[in-house]
């Protein structure tokens, strides 16, 4: 995966995790179904894991995109095997 794809994948995972942390537990509490507390706790734990993995992918994509210098180097060969490196912006 490229850095951009990892960033997008991390954003999607964060959105899914936020949905699981907010909407799913509230629907079970409002519905008054049996075992709602266990379902809510499970959804909160799973949502937190998904958000954490989304943040991990987002962080990985940021570190990969920042690592490049963005400068081009031109190497010129002079007489007697002398090299000159010129940086271009």
Protein backbone atom coordinates (compact mmCIF):
# COMPACT_ATOMS: atom_id res chain seq x y z
CA UNK A 1 0.00 0.00 0.00
CA UNK A 2 1.20 3.49 -0.72
CA UNK A 3 1.39 6.17 1.94
CA UNK A 4 -1.73 7.88 0.59
CA UNK A 5 -3.71 4.63 0.64
CA UNK A 6 -2.58 3.91 4.20
CA UNK A 7 -3.76 7.37 5.24
CA UNK A 8 -7.17 6.87 3.64
CA UNK A 9 -7.49 3.39 5.15
CA UNK A 10 -6.64 4.82 8.57
CA UNK A 11 -9.28 7.52 8.15
CA UNK A 12 -11.92 4.93 7.24
CA UNK A 13 -11.01 2.79 10.25
CA UNK A 14 -11.25 5.83 12.53
CA UNK A 15 -14.70 6.67 11.14
CA UNK A 16 -15.93 3.09 11.63
CA UNK A 17 -14.53 3.03 15.16
CA UNK A 18 -16.21 6.35 16.04
CA UNK A 19 -19.50 4.98 14.75
CA UNK A 20 -19.11 1.86 16.88
CA UNK A 21 -18.25 3.94 19.94
CA UNK A 22 -21.27 6.22 19.66
CA UNK A 23 -24.23 4.84 17.74
CA UNK A 24 -24.21 1.11 18.43
CA UNK A 25 -24.14 1.25 22.27
CA UNK A 26 -26.85 3.94 22.36
CA UNK A 27 -29.20 1.93 20.18
CA UNK A 28 -28.94 -1.05 22.51
CA UNK A 29 -29.48 1.12 25.60
CA UNK A 30 -32.54 2.77 24.06
CA UNK A 31 -33.94 -0.55 22.88
CA UNK A 32 -33.81 -2.08 26.38
CA UNK A 33 -32.79 -5.49 25.07
CA UNK A 34 -31.39 -8.22 27.29
CA UNK A 35 -27.63 -8.17 27.69
CA UNK A 36 -27.34 -4.62 26.38
CA UNK A 37 -24.54 -3.81 28.80
CA UNK A 38 -22.41 -6.68 27.48
CA UNK A 39 -23.01 -5.68 23.88
CA UNK A 40 -22.18 -2.06 24.69
CA UNK A 41 -18.95 -3.00 26.45
CA UNK A 42 -17.96 -5.25 23.55
CA UNK A 43 -18.70 -2.51 21.02
CA UNK A 44 -16.70 0.05 23.01
CA UNK A 45 -13.68 -2.25 23.22
CA UNK A 46 -13.88 -3.15 19.52
CA UNK A 47 -14.43 0.48 18.56
CA UNK A 48 -11.37 1.55 20.54
CA UNK A 49 -9.27 -1.15 18.87
CA UNK A 50 -10.42 -0.08 15.43
CA UNK A 51 -9.75 3.60 16.17
CA UNK A 52 -6.29 2.71 17.50
CA UNK A 53 -5.47 0.72 14.37
CA UNK A 54 -6.76 3.57 12.22
CA UNK A 55 -4.50 6.00 14.05
CA UNK A 56 -1.60 3.59 13.57
CA UNK A 57 -2.12 3.50 9.79
CA UNK A 58 -2.55 7.27 9.66
CA UNK A 59 0.67 7.79 11.62
CA UNK A 60 2.54 5.33 9.38
CA UNK A 61 1.39 7.18 6.26
CA UNK A 62 2.48 10.54 7.69
CA UNK A 63 5.94 9.27 8.62
CA UNK A 64 6.39 7.69 5.18
CA UNK A 65 5.43 10.85 3.32
CA UNK A 66 7.65 13.13 5.43
CA UNK A 67 10.78 11.01 5.10
CA UNK A 68 11.60 12.14 1.54
CA UNK A 69 13.78 15.22 1.09
CA UNK A 70 12.25 16.35 -2.17
CA UNK A 71 15.57 17.63 -3.52
CA UNK A 72 17.14 16.38 -6.70
CA UNK A 73 20.84 15.89 -6.93
CA UNK A 74 22.84 16.28 -10.08
CA UNK A 75 26.20 14.56 -10.22
CA UNK A 76 28.78 15.96 -12.58
CA UNK A 77 31.99 14.14 -13.38
CA UNK A 78 34.97 16.41 -13.80
CA UNK A 79 38.45 15.52 -15.00
CA UNK A 80 40.56 12.99 -13.08
CA UNK A 81 37.49 11.24 -11.62
CA UNK A 82 36.43 14.18 -9.43
CA UNK A 83 32.72 14.21 -8.63
CA UNK A 84 30.66 17.31 -7.91
CA UNK A 85 27.17 16.96 -6.39
CA UNK A 86 24.80 19.85 -7.01
CA UNK A 87 21.46 20.00 -5.22
CA UNK A 88 18.52 21.27 -7.20
CA UNK A 89 15.30 22.49 -5.63
